[in-house]
C-alpha cells in the first residue's frame, strides 16, 4: 500500500504529529477506507471532525486487529460553505453513530445516510432547532401494531433514557433507544480546564462503574504526549486494578441477571461476592470504585506486601464461592429456560454494527484490546480472550463467568511477577513519587490515542494539542456508543416482557453514551 495514505502506530497508547497524518481527498479517503474494511478484524475506533480555522479536518482511527496496528488518516472539508458528503454508513454501517455525531456537531450532511438523526443534543450542536422533544422516531403503520414508550425517568436511580417499542401484540418488532437527556459536555471540560488533577478526576467520572478503565485511557494519552514511560511495576498495578474492576462488575451483573429471573439465591450470593471485591479496592486506595488510584506517571497508593496478600486471599475466597454458585446457576433448568435463545445477537449483526467488548465476544467476534492492541502489563503478558458463539443472554451471562476466571488468573500471575524482584519493590514508592508529569509538558500540535479494554469493552480516548502543548480537542468513546444498537437488535422478535433481562445482559451505560 502507498505509505502516504496513512500512518501506522504499533504501540498503545501512542502519539503522532498532526502534520504526519496524511490528508486525502474524499474519494481517495473512501477508497482506502473500503480497502481497510475488507480486512479481517479491522474496525473504526474513532472518527471525528476536528475544527480548524477555515476547515474541518476529519480524522479516522482504524484498529487493524490482526496486525495489532492503529491506522490513522484524514480528509478536510470547508467550514463555509458546509459540504454534503457521501455517507460511509451506506457502505459500512458501523460508522452510523460517528457520522450522526459529526452531523449534529458540525451541520455537515450525509444525504444517503440511512439513520441521520441526533445522538446527544450537545449544547454546542450546529442546529439548535434539533431538540430532544422533536426527535424523529421511526414508525411503522398498521392497525394491529402499537407503540410502548418506557422512560425517560428510570424506575431505579440510573441515568434517564427513553425506549420506544413497536409491538405486534407482545412481540417486539422494533426498538429505538433515545438518549441525550443529560449531556454534560465532558469532552469540552477537558479543554476548558487544563489542570491535570481536574482532568484526572473528570476522567474517572465519565462512567461511574468504569472509573479505572476511563482513568487508564486518559492517563495513556497524557503520558504519550509527555513522552513518559512508567515502570513495569506501575503497569502491573494499573492492570490489577482494571481486572479487579472487571471482576466486581461481572459478578454484580451475574447477581442482577439472577434478580431479573427471580432467582434470589444467585442474586444474594453474587452481591456479597461483589462487595468483597470492591472492598478490596477500597482497602487499597480508599475508594470502592478505584477513584484516585490511577494518576498520570505515578500512583498515590503504591501496593504494599500486606495489600497484595489481602488481594490474593480475597480472590481465593471469591473464586471458590463464585464458581460454586455459577455452577449451580448454569445447570438449573429454570435458569437455562430463561437464558438460552433469549435476546440473540448474531455474528453477522455484531460485525455489521461494529459491536465491541463482551457483547462482541459472546457473538463469535474475536475482539479484545488486551489481545489486539495490548496496553499496560498486557504488553509483556499476552492475553487470549474467552469466546462464545450463540450471542444470547446465556452467552453474555456465561462469558462473565469465564472472564472472572481469566481475570483472577491474570491478577495472580501479575502479582507473582510484581513480588519477584524485591529490590525493585523496595524502591518502588520512591521511584514513582519522583516522577512528576506537571513539569514535563505535552507535545505540541500532536494527536494521542489510547485504547483500553474496559469491562464493557473498547474504550478510546483521543487528545489533540495546540502549538503550546495544551489540549485543544478531546474525544471519548465509551463501548456503549457501539453496543446500544446491539441491544435494539437483540430484542427483536422477543416478548416485550423479556426486555429487562435482555437489557441487563448488556448492561450499557447511559452517561457513557451521553458525554
Protein backbone atom coordinates (compact mmCIF):
# COMPACT_ATOMS: atom_id res chain seq x y z
CA UNK A 1 0.00 0.00 0.00
CA UNK A 2 1.04 3.59 -0.62
CA UNK A 3 2.56 4.79 2.64
CA UNK A 4 1.42 8.38 2.02
CA UNK A 5 -2.22 7.43 2.56
CA UNK A 6 -1.94 6.66 6.25
CA UNK A 7 0.28 6.42 9.30
CA UNK A 8 0.50 3.30 11.45
CA UNK A 9 1.02 3.15 15.20
CA UNK A 10 2.11 -0.10 16.82
CA UNK A 11 2.10 0.98 20.46
CA UNK A 12 -0.90 1.59 22.69
CA UNK A 13 -1.09 4.34 23.78
CA UNK A 14 0.84 6.34 21.21
CA UNK A 15 1.01 9.80 19.67
CA UNK A 16 1.81 11.37 16.31
CA UNK A 17 2.37 14.88 14.99
CA UNK A 18 -0.70 16.27 13.24
CA UNK A 19 1.46 17.15 10.24
CA UNK A 20 2.37 13.49 9.85
CA UNK A 21 -1.25 12.36 9.44
CA UNK A 22 -1.93 12.24 5.68
CA UNK A 23 -4.80 14.31 4.28
CA UNK A 24 -6.62 12.62 1.38
CA UNK A 25 -9.30 13.92 -0.91
CA UNK A 26 -12.66 12.43 -0.06
CA UNK A 27 -12.89 9.89 -2.92
CA UNK A 28 -9.41 8.59 -2.04
CA UNK A 29 -10.39 8.56 1.64
CA UNK A 30 -13.44 6.42 0.89
CA UNK A 31 -11.48 4.07 -1.37
CA UNK A 32 -8.81 3.49 1.26
CA UNK A 33 -11.45 3.00 3.94
CA UNK A 34 -13.17 0.39 1.76
CA UNK A 35 -9.84 -1.39 1.47
CA UNK A 36 -9.33 -1.42 5.23
CA UNK A 37 -12.86 -2.58 5.95
CA UNK A 38 -12.25 -5.56 3.70
CA UNK A 39 -9.56 -6.84 6.06
CA UNK A 40 -10.46 -9.30 8.80
CA UNK A 41 -10.99 -7.72 12.22
CA UNK A 42 -10.43 -4.12 11.11
CA UNK A 43 -12.88 -1.65 12.64
CA UNK A 44 -13.23 2.03 13.45
CA UNK A 45 -12.30 3.17 16.95
CA UNK A 46 -12.72 6.92 16.33
CA UNK A 47 -13.92 9.17 13.51
CA UNK A 48 -14.47 12.84 14.24
CA UNK A 49 -14.31 16.35 12.76
CA UNK A 50 -11.52 18.47 14.22
CA UNK A 51 -12.40 22.20 13.94
CA UNK A 52 -9.70 24.33 12.29
CA UNK A 53 -9.65 27.97 11.23
CA UNK A 54 -11.28 27.51 7.81
CA UNK A 55 -11.86 23.76 7.59
CA UNK A 56 -12.95 20.69 9.45
CA UNK A 57 -10.30 18.01 9.47
CA UNK A 58 -11.91 14.59 9.59
CA UNK A 59 -9.59 12.16 11.37
CA UNK A 60 -10.24 8.43 11.17
CA UNK A 61 -8.56 5.95 13.52
CA UNK A 62 -8.91 2.31 12.48
CA UNK A 63 -7.88 -0.69 14.56
CA UNK A 64 -6.28 -3.40 12.45
CA UNK A 65 -6.71 -6.19 14.98
CA UNK A 66 -4.87 -8.92 13.10
CA UNK A 67 -1.83 -6.66 12.52
CA UNK A 68 -2.00 -5.16 16.04
CA UNK A 69 -1.79 -1.69 14.49
CA UNK A 70 -3.69 1.58 14.57
CA UNK A 71 -4.13 3.14 11.11
CA UNK A 72 -4.75 6.91 11.07
CA UNK A 73 -5.63 9.07 8.05
CA UNK A 74 -7.83 12.08 7.32
CA UNK A 75 -9.63 14.36 4.90
CA UNK A 76 -10.50 18.07 5.07
CA UNK A 77 -13.73 19.91 4.25
CA UNK A 78 -14.52 23.66 4.23
CA UNK A 79 -16.42 25.24 7.11
CA UNK A 80 -18.04 27.78 4.80
CA UNK A 81 -19.95 26.72 2.84
CA UNK A 82 -20.60 23.37 4.51
CA UNK A 83 -20.41 20.44 2.14
CA UNK A 84 -22.71 17.44 1.76
CA UNK A 85 -20.73 14.21 1.69
CA UNK A 86 -21.48 10.69 0.51
CA UNK A 87 -22.15 8.63 3.61
CA UNK A 88 -19.70 5.99 4.81
CA UNK A 89 -22.59 4.39 6.71
CA UNK A 90 -24.30 3.48 3.45
CA UNK A 91 -21.27 1.26 2.77
CA UNK A 92 -20.21 0.27 6.29
CA UNK A 93 -22.99 0.53 8.86
CA UNK A 94 -20.72 0.63 11.93
CA UNK A 95 -19.98 4.28 11.01
CA UNK A 96 -23.61 5.30 11.56
CA UNK A 97 -23.11 6.77 15.02
CA UNK A 98 -19.86 8.57 14.09
CA UNK A 99 -21.49 10.33 11.13
CA UNK A 100 -24.59 11.14 13.19
CA UNK A 101 -22.37 12.81 15.78
CA UNK A 102 -20.47 14.74 13.10
CA UNK A 103 -23.76 15.90 11.56
CA UNK A 104 -25.06 17.03 14.94
CA UNK A 105 -21.88 18.91 15.88
CA UNK A 106 -20.97 20.50 12.52
CA UNK A 107 -24.12 20.56 10.40
CA UNK A 108 -22.41 18.64 7.60
CA UNK A 109 -24.98 16.37 5.98
CA UNK A 110 -24.71 12.88 4.57
CA UNK A 111 -27.74 12.65 2.26
CA UNK A 112 -27.62 8.88 1.78
CA UNK A 113 -27.14 8.10 5.48
CA UNK A 114 -29.94 5.67 6.45
CA UNK A 115 -30.31 6.91 10.05
CA UNK A 116 -29.18 10.56 10.20
CA UNK A 117 -30.59 11.79 13.49
CA UNK A 118 -29.14 13.35 16.68
CA UNK A 119 -27.07 11.35 19.15
CA UNK A 120 -26.57 13.56 22.21
CA UNK A 121 -28.15 17.03 21.79
CA UNK A 122 -24.97 18.84 22.94
CA UNK A 123 -25.17 22.49 23.88
CA UNK A 124 -22.78 23.41 21.01
CA UNK A 125 -24.75 21.50 18.35
CA UNK A 126 -24.93 23.10 14.92
CA UNK A 127 -28.74 23.22 14.70
CA UNK A 128 -30.49 24.25 17.91
CA UNK A 129 -33.87 23.52 16.36
CA UNK A 130 -32.99 19.84 16.84
CA UNK A 131 -34.29 19.35 20.35
CA UNK A 132 -34.99 16.20 22.29
CA UNK A 133 -38.75 16.85 22.16
CA UNK A 134 -38.89 16.57 18.36
CA UNK A 135 -36.65 13.52 17.97
CA UNK A 136 -37.59 11.81 14.67
CA UNK A 137 -38.63 8.34 15.81
CA UNK A 138 -39.03 5.53 13.32
CA UNK A 139 -42.63 4.42 12.87
CA UNK A 140 -44.50 1.54 11.25
CA UNK A 141 -48.10 1.82 10.09
CA UNK A 142 -50.52 -0.99 10.87
CA UNK A 143 -53.85 -1.43 12.62
CA UNK A 144 -52.55 -4.37 14.66
CA UNK A 145 -49.41 -2.58 15.83
CA UNK A 146 -48.97 -0.43 18.90
CA UNK A 147 -46.16 1.60 20.43
CA UNK A 148 -44.93 1.36 24.00
CA UNK A 149 -42.82 4.14 25.48
CA UNK A 150 -40.62 3.43 28.51
CA UNK A 151 -38.82 6.27 30.31
CA UNK A 152 -37.05 8.62 30.25
CA UNK A 153 -37.39 8.61 34.03
CA UNK A 154 -35.88 5.33 35.17
CA UNK A 155 -37.62 3.16 37.74
CA UNK A 156 -34.31 2.92 39.61
CA UNK A 157 -31.64 5.56 40.13
CA UNK A 158 -29.62 5.44 36.89
CA UNK A 159 -29.43 7.97 34.07
CA UNK A 160 -32.53 8.82 32.00
CA UNK A 161 -33.17 7.07 28.71
CA UNK A 162 -36.24 6.61 26.53
CA UNK A 163 -37.10 3.31 24.85
CA UNK A 164 -39.84 3.23 22.21
CA UNK A 165 -41.07 -0.23 21.22
CA UNK A 166 -43.19 -1.03 18.19
CA UNK A 167 -45.04 -4.25 19.01
CA UNK A 168 -47.40 -6.71 17.42
CA UNK A 169 -49.21 -7.99 20.46
CA UNK A 170 -46.43 -8.85 22.89
CA UNK A 171 -43.79 -9.32 20.18
CA UNK A 172 -41.23 -6.54 19.68
CA UNK A 173 -40.82 -5.64 16.02
CA UNK A 174 -38.57 -2.64 16.57
CA UNK A 175 -36.90 -0.79 19.43
CA UNK A 176 -35.48 2.70 19.18
CA UNK A 177 -33.35 4.00 22.04
CA UNK A 178 -33.20 7.75 22.61
CA UNK A 179 -30.52 9.11 24.92
CA UNK A 180 -29.08 12.59 25.40
CA UNK A 181 -31.19 13.91 28.28
CA UNK A 182 -28.26 14.95 30.48
CA UNK A 183 -25.46 15.93 28.14
CA UNK A 184 -22.63 17.03 30.43
CA UNK A 185 -20.16 18.39 27.90
CA UNK A 186 -17.32 16.33 29.39
CA UNK A 187 -15.14 16.49 26.29
CA UNK A 188 -15.20 20.29 26.40
CA UNK A 189 -14.38 20.32 30.10
CA UNK A 190 -11.07 18.60 29.35
CA UNK A 191 -10.19 21.57 27.15
CA UNK A 192 -11.65 24.33 29.33
CA UNK A 193 -9.64 23.32 32.40
CA UNK A 194 -6.03 22.34 31.73
CA UNK A 195 -5.24 21.36 35.33
CA UNK A 196 -4.08 17.77 35.39
CA UNK A 197 -5.77 16.90 38.68
CA UNK A 198 -9.08 18.30 37.42
CA UNK A 199 -8.78 16.29 34.21
CA UNK A 200 -7.86 13.14 36.13
CA UNK A 201 -10.91 13.45 38.37
CA UNK A 202 -13.06 14.18 35.32
CA UNK A 203 -11.82 11.03 33.58
CA UNK A 204 -12.74 8.74 36.45
CA UNK A 205 -16.26 10.18 36.49
CA UNK A 206 -17.07 9.66 32.80
CA UNK A 207 -18.95 6.50 33.76
CA UNK A 208 -19.18 5.69 37.44
CA UNK A 209 -18.84 1.92 37.02
CA UNK A 210 -15.72 2.24 34.84
CA UNK A 211 -13.58 4.66 36.84
CA UNK A 212 -10.44 2.58 36.37
CA UNK A 213 -10.98 1.92 32.66
CA UNK A 214 -11.54 5.55 31.67
CA UNK A 215 -8.82 6.83 34.02
CA UNK A 216 -6.35 4.45 32.43
CA UNK A 217 -7.31 5.64 28.93
CA UNK A 218 -6.89 9.28 29.93
CA UNK A 219 -3.56 8.55 31.62
CA UNK A 220 -2.41 6.87 28.43
CA UNK A 221 -2.92 9.90 26.19
CA UNK A 222 -1.28 12.26 28.68
CA UNK A 223 1.77 10.05 29.22
CA UNK A 224 2.13 9.51 25.49
CA UNK A 225 2.06 13.26 24.78
CA UNK A 226 4.54 13.85 27.62
CA UNK A 227 6.91 11.11 26.44
CA UNK A 228 6.73 9.31 29.78
CA UNK A 229 7.20 5.57 30.14
CA UNK A 230 6.13 4.19 33.50
CA UNK A 231 7.82 1.34 35.34
CA UNK A 232 6.74 -2.25 34.86
CA UNK A 233 5.63 -2.30 38.49
CA UNK A 234 3.26 0.61 37.98
CA UNK A 235 1.94 -1.00 34.79
CA UNK A 236 1.21 -4.15 36.78
CA UNK A 237 -0.62 -2.19 39.48
CA UNK A 238 -2.83 -0.48 36.93
CA UNK A 239 -3.66 -3.76 35.24
CA UNK A 240 -4.51 -5.41 38.56
CA UNK A 241 -6.86 -2.50 39.32
CA UNK A 242 -8.50 -2.79 35.91
CA UNK A 243 -9.08 -6.52 36.32
CA UNK A 244 -10.46 -6.06 39.84
CA UNK A 245 -12.95 -3.61 38.34
CA UNK A 246 -13.88 -6.18 35.69
CA UNK A 247 -14.35 -8.93 38.28
CA UNK A 248 -16.52 -6.75 40.52
CA UNK A 249 -18.86 -5.63 37.73
CA UNK A 250 -19.17 -9.08 36.15
CA UNK A 251 -20.09 -10.61 39.49
CA UNK A 252 -22.53 -7.77 40.19
CA UNK A 253 -24.10 -8.31 36.76
CA UNK A 254 -24.42 -12.02 37.49
CA UNK A 255 -26.40 -11.04 40.58
CA UNK A 256 -28.56 -8.64 38.55
CA UNK A 257 -29.32 -11.29 35.92
CA UNK A 258 -30.45 -13.61 38.70
CA UNK A 259 -32.66 -10.81 40.03
CA UNK A 260 -34.37 -10.43 36.64
CA UNK A 261 -35.38 -14.09 36.62
CA UNK A 262 -36.34 -14.14 40.33
CA UNK A 263 -33.50 -16.49 41.33
CA UNK A 264 -32.85 -14.97 44.73
CA UNK A 265 -30.13 -17.38 45.86
CA UNK A 266 -27.91 -16.47 42.91
CA UNK A 267 -28.65 -12.80 43.49
CA UNK A 268 -27.69 -12.57 47.16
CA UNK A 269 -24.57 -14.76 46.90
CA UNK A 270 -23.17 -12.75 44.00
CA UNK A 271 -23.99 -9.43 45.62
CA UNK A 272 -21.99 -10.49 48.66
CA UNK A 273 -19.05 -11.56 46.50
CA UNK A 274 -19.07 -8.26 44.59
CA UNK A 275 -18.87 -6.48 47.93
CA UNK A 276 -15.72 -8.42 48.83
CA UNK A 277 -14.05 -7.33 45.58
CA UNK A 278 -14.93 -3.63 45.78
CA UNK A 279 -14.00 -3.55 49.46
CA UNK A 280 -10.60 -4.92 48.45
CA UNK A 281 -10.16 -1.96 46.11
CA UNK A 282 -11.26 0.34 48.92
CA UNK A 283 -8.62 -1.12 51.22
CA UNK A 284 -6.04 -0.35 48.56
CA UNK A 285 -6.92 3.26 47.70
CA UNK A 286 -9.78 4.34 49.96
CA UNK A 287 -12.49 4.16 47.30
CA UNK A 288 -14.53 1.10 46.33
CA UNK A 289 -14.57 2.08 42.65
CA UNK A 290 -10.86 2.89 42.45
CA UNK A 291 -11.22 6.65 42.20
CA UNK A 292 -7.94 8.37 42.96
CA UNK A 293 -5.90 5.27 42.19
CA UNK A 294 -4.86 5.98 38.58
CA UNK A 295 -2.84 9.15 38.03
CA UNK A 296 -0.54 10.11 35.13
CA UNK A 297 3.06 8.98 35.63
CA UNK A 298 2.64 7.88 39.24
CA UNK A 299 0.47 6.43 41.96
CA UNK A 300 -0.53 7.90 45.28
CA UNK A 301 -1.36 4.43 46.58
CA UNK A 302 1.55 2.08 45.85
CA UNK A 303 0.93 -1.57 46.57
CA UNK A 304 2.41 -2.95 49.75
CA UNK A 305 3.09 -6.58 50.52
CA UNK A 306 0.23 -6.52 53.03
CA UNK A 307 -2.27 -5.30 50.40
CA UNK A 308 -1.00 -7.86 47.88
CA UNK A 309 -1.65 -10.62 50.42
CA UNK A 310 -5.19 -9.34 51.05
CA UNK A 311 -5.93 -9.18 47.31
CA UNK A 312 -4.77 -12.76 46.80
CA UNK A 313 -6.59 -14.03 49.89
CA UNK A 314 -9.87 -12.33 48.95
CA UNK A 315 -9.69 -13.50 45.35
CA UNK A 316 -9.19 -17.06 46.52
CA UNK A 317 -12.40 -16.87 48.54
CA UNK A 318 -14.31 -15.07 45.76
CA UNK A 319 -13.19 -17.57 43.12
CA UNK A 320 -14.21 -20.59 45.19
CA UNK A 321 -17.65 -19.26 46.05
CA UNK A 322 -18.31 -17.72 42.63
CA UNK A 323 -17.53 -20.95 40.81
CA UNK A 324 -19.81 -22.84 43.18
CA UNK A 325 -22.77 -20.52 42.66
CA UNK A 326 -22.29 -20.19 38.91
CA UNK A 327 -22.04 -23.96 38.53
CA UNK A 328 -25.48 -24.03 40.12
CA UNK A 329 -26.79 -21.14 38.01
CA UNK A 330 -25.72 -22.66 34.71
CA UNK A 331 -27.10 -26.12 35.44
CA UNK A 332 -30.54 -25.16 36.73
CA UNK A 333 -33.20 -25.85 34.13
CA UNK A 334 -35.29 -22.91 35.38
CA UNK A 335 -32.37 -20.55 34.77
CA UNK A 336 -31.40 -22.04 31.42
CA UNK A 337 -35.01 -21.84 30.29
CA UNK A 338 -34.86 -18.07 30.67
CA UNK A 339 -31.30 -17.51 29.43
CA UNK A 340 -30.96 -19.77 26.41
CA UNK A 341 -32.00 -18.44 22.98
CA UNK A 342 -33.13 -15.18 24.59
CA UNK A 343 -32.08 -11.85 23.03
CA UNK A 344 -29.86 -13.28 20.31
CA UNK A 345 -27.34 -11.09 18.52
CA UNK A 346 -26.00 -12.98 15.52
CA UNK A 347 -22.33 -12.83 14.49
CA UNK A 348 -23.40 -11.11 11.26
CA UNK A 349 -25.32 -8.42 13.15
CA UNK A 350 -22.50 -7.95 15.65
CA UNK A 351 -19.97 -7.48 12.85
CA UNK A 352 -22.22 -5.18 10.82
CA UNK A 353 -22.82 -2.69 13.63
CA UNK A 354 -19.25 -2.80 15.00
CA UNK A 355 -20.04 -4.40 18.36
CA UNK A 356 -17.21 -4.35 20.89
CA UNK A 357 -16.26 -5.97 24.17
CA UNK A 358 -18.04 -8.83 25.86
CA UNK A 359 -21.12 -8.29 23.69
CA UNK A 360 -18.93 -8.97 20.65
CA UNK A 361 -17.07 -11.92 22.18
CA UNK A 362 -20.32 -13.63 23.13
CA UNK A 363 -21.43 -13.38 19.48
CA UNK A 364 -18.37 -15.01 17.97
CA UNK A 365 -16.24 -11.91 17.37
CA UNK A 366 -12.57 -12.13 18.36
CA UNK A 367 -12.41 -8.56 19.63
CA UNK A 368 -10.47 -7.62 22.75
CA UNK A 369 -8.00 -4.73 23.07
CA UNK A 370 -5.98 -6.72 25.61
CA UNK A 371 -5.15 -9.09 22.75
CA UNK A 372 -5.21 -6.88 19.66
CA UNK A 373 -3.59 -3.69 21.00
CA UNK A 374 -2.02 -4.61 24.35
CA UNK A 375 -1.53 -1.88 26.94
CA UNK A 376 -0.05 -1.61 30.44
CA UNK A 377 1.07 -5.03 31.69
CA UNK A 378 -0.60 -6.80 28.76
CA UNK A 379 2.33 -5.71 26.58
CA UNK A 380 4.51 -8.20 28.48
CA UNK A 381 1.79 -10.74 29.32
CA UNK A 382 -0.13 -11.82 26.19
CA UNK A 383 -3.86 -12.32 26.65
CA UNK A 384 -6.21 -14.69 24.83
CA UNK A 385 -9.88 -13.72 25.16
CA UNK A 386 -12.69 -16.08 26.09
CA UNK A 387 -15.16 -16.59 23.23
CA UNK A 388 -18.72 -17.86 22.80
CA UNK A 389 -20.85 -18.11 19.68
CA UNK A 390 -24.59 -18.11 20.43
CA UNK A 391 -24.99 -14.39 21.15
CA UNK A 392 -27.91 -14.87 23.55
CA UNK A 393 -28.45 -13.95 27.21
CA UNK A 394 -26.93 -17.29 28.21
CA UNK A 395 -23.74 -16.45 26.29
CA UNK A 396 -23.46 -12.98 27.77
CA UNK A 397 -24.04 -14.39 31.26
CA UNK A 398 -21.61 -17.30 30.89
CA UNK A 399 -18.94 -15.07 29.36
CA UNK A 400 -18.95 -13.08 32.57
CA UNK A 401 -18.08 -16.23 34.50
CA UNK A 402 -15.30 -17.12 32.04
CA UNK A 403 -13.85 -13.61 32.23
CA UNK A 404 -13.91 -13.58 36.03
CA UNK A 405 -11.86 -16.79 35.99
CA UNK A 406 -9.38 -15.35 33.50
CA UNK A 407 -9.08 -12.04 35.36
CA UNK A 408 -8.31 -13.81 38.63
CA UNK A 409 -5.66 -15.83 36.83
CA UNK A 410 -4.16 -12.65 35.36
CA UNK A 411 -4.01 -10.91 38.73
CA UNK A 412 -2.30 -13.86 40.39
CA UNK A 413 0.28 -14.02 37.64
CA UNK A 414 0.96 -10.29 37.72
CA UNK A 415 1.26 -10.09 41.49
CA UNK A 416 3.65 -13.02 41.48
CA UNK A 417 5.87 -11.18 39.00
CA UNK A 418 5.41 -7.98 40.98
CA UNK A 419 6.93 -9.54 44.09
CA UNK A 420 9.79 -11.45 42.48
CA UNK A 421 12.23 -8.56 42.33
CA UNK A 422 12.38 -7.44 45.94
CA UNK A 423 14.88 -4.67 45.27
CA UNK A 424 12.56 -3.09 42.72
CA UNK A 425 9.68 -3.47 45.13
CA UNK A 426 11.56 -1.78 47.97
CA UNK A 427 12.45 1.23 45.83
CA UNK A 428 9.09 1.35 44.09
CA UNK A 429 7.37 4.10 46.07
CA UNK A 430 10.37 6.44 45.88
CA UNK A 431 10.75 5.98 42.13
CA UNK A 432 7.09 6.67 41.38
CA UNK A 433 6.72 9.66 43.65
CA UNK A 434 9.68 11.38 41.96
CA UNK A 435 8.02 11.23 38.55
CA UNK A 436 6.04 14.42 38.01
CA UNK A 437 4.25 14.91 34.74
CA UNK A 438 3.26 18.51 35.51
CA UNK A 439 6.82 19.64 34.77
CA UNK A 440 7.16 17.53 31.64
CA UNK A 441 4.88 19.39 29.23
CA UNK A 442 2.90 17.88 26.36
CA UNK A 443 4.00 17.61 22.74
CA UNK A 444 2.57 20.49 20.69
CA UNK A 445 0.40 20.05 17.58
CA UNK A 446 0.07 16.34 18.18
CA UNK A 447 -2.60 13.67 18.42
CA UNK A 448 -2.51 10.92 21.04
CA UNK A 449 -4.75 7.88 21.15
CA UNK A 450 -5.25 5.40 23.98
CA UNK A 451 -7.31 2.20 23.89
CA UNK A 452 -8.31 0.22 26.97
CA UNK A 453 -10.43 -2.92 27.23
CA UNK A 454 -12.83 -1.90 29.97
CA UNK A 455 -15.25 -4.41 31.41
CA UNK A 456 -17.89 -3.39 28.82
CA UNK A 457 -15.37 -3.33 26.00
CA UNK A 458 -13.27 -0.98 23.94
CA UNK A 459 -12.67 2.46 25.46
CA UNK A 460 -10.98 5.06 23.24
CA UNK A 461 -9.60 8.46 24.26
CA UNK A 462 -8.08 10.88 21.74
CA UNK A 463 -6.39 14.17 22.62
CA UNK A 464 -5.17 16.87 20.24
CA UNK A 465 -2.81 19.61 21.41
CA UNK A 466 -2.30 23.16 20.15
CA UNK A 467 1.00 24.84 19.32
CA UNK A 468 1.71 25.50 23.01
CA UNK A 469 1.14 21.89 24.08
CA UNK A 470 -2.26 22.46 25.68
CA UNK A 471 -5.21 20.20 24.98
CA UNK A 472 -7.24 21.82 22.23
CA UNK A 473 -9.61 18.93 21.49
CA UNK A 474 -10.65 15.80 23.37
CA UNK A 475 -12.70 12.86 22.12
CA UNK A 476 -14.06 9.99 24.23
CA UNK A 477 -15.69 6.79 23.07
CA UNK A 478 -17.31 4.50 25.61
CA UNK A 479 -18.12 0.99 24.33
CA UNK A 480 -21.82 1.71 24.87
CA UNK A 481 -21.73 4.02 21.85
CA UNK A 482 -21.44 0.92 19.66
CA UNK A 483 -23.47 -1.52 21.71
CA UNK A 484 -26.79 0.25 22.25
CA UNK A 485 -27.66 -0.76 18.70
CA UNK A 486 -26.82 -4.35 19.63
CA UNK A 487 -29.47 -4.25 22.35
CA UNK A 488 -32.04 -2.81 19.94
CA UNK A 489 -31.41 -5.71 17.55
CA UNK A 490 -31.33 -8.37 20.26
CA UNK A 491 -34.89 -7.68 21.48
CA UNK A 492 -36.48 -8.04 18.06
CA UNK A 493 -38.94 -10.93 17.92
CA UNK A 494 -38.82 -11.24 21.72
CA UNK A 495 -41.75 -10.59 24.02
CA UNK A 496 -41.64 -7.06 25.43
CA UNK A 497 -41.65 -8.53 28.96
CA UNK A 498 -38.24 -10.04 28.16
CA UNK A 499 -36.69 -6.62 27.60
CA UNK A 500 -35.40 -6.10 31.18
CA UNK A 501 -33.46 -9.37 31.03
CA UNK A 502 -32.03 -8.60 27.59
CA UNK A 503 -31.14 -5.09 28.71
CA UNK A 504 -29.34 -6.31 31.82
CA UNK A 505 -27.39 -8.89 29.81
CA UNK A 506 -25.69 -5.98 28.01
CA UNK A 507 -25.72 -3.52 30.95
CA UNK A 508 -24.83 -0.50 28.85
CA UNK A 509 -24.03 3.00 30.07
CA UNK A 510 -26.38 5.93 29.59
CA UNK A 511 -23.83 8.53 30.69
CA UNK A 512 -21.07 6.81 28.67
CA UNK A 513 -23.14 7.49 25.56
CA UNK A 514 -24.33 10.95 26.66
CA UNK A 515 -20.97 12.56 27.37
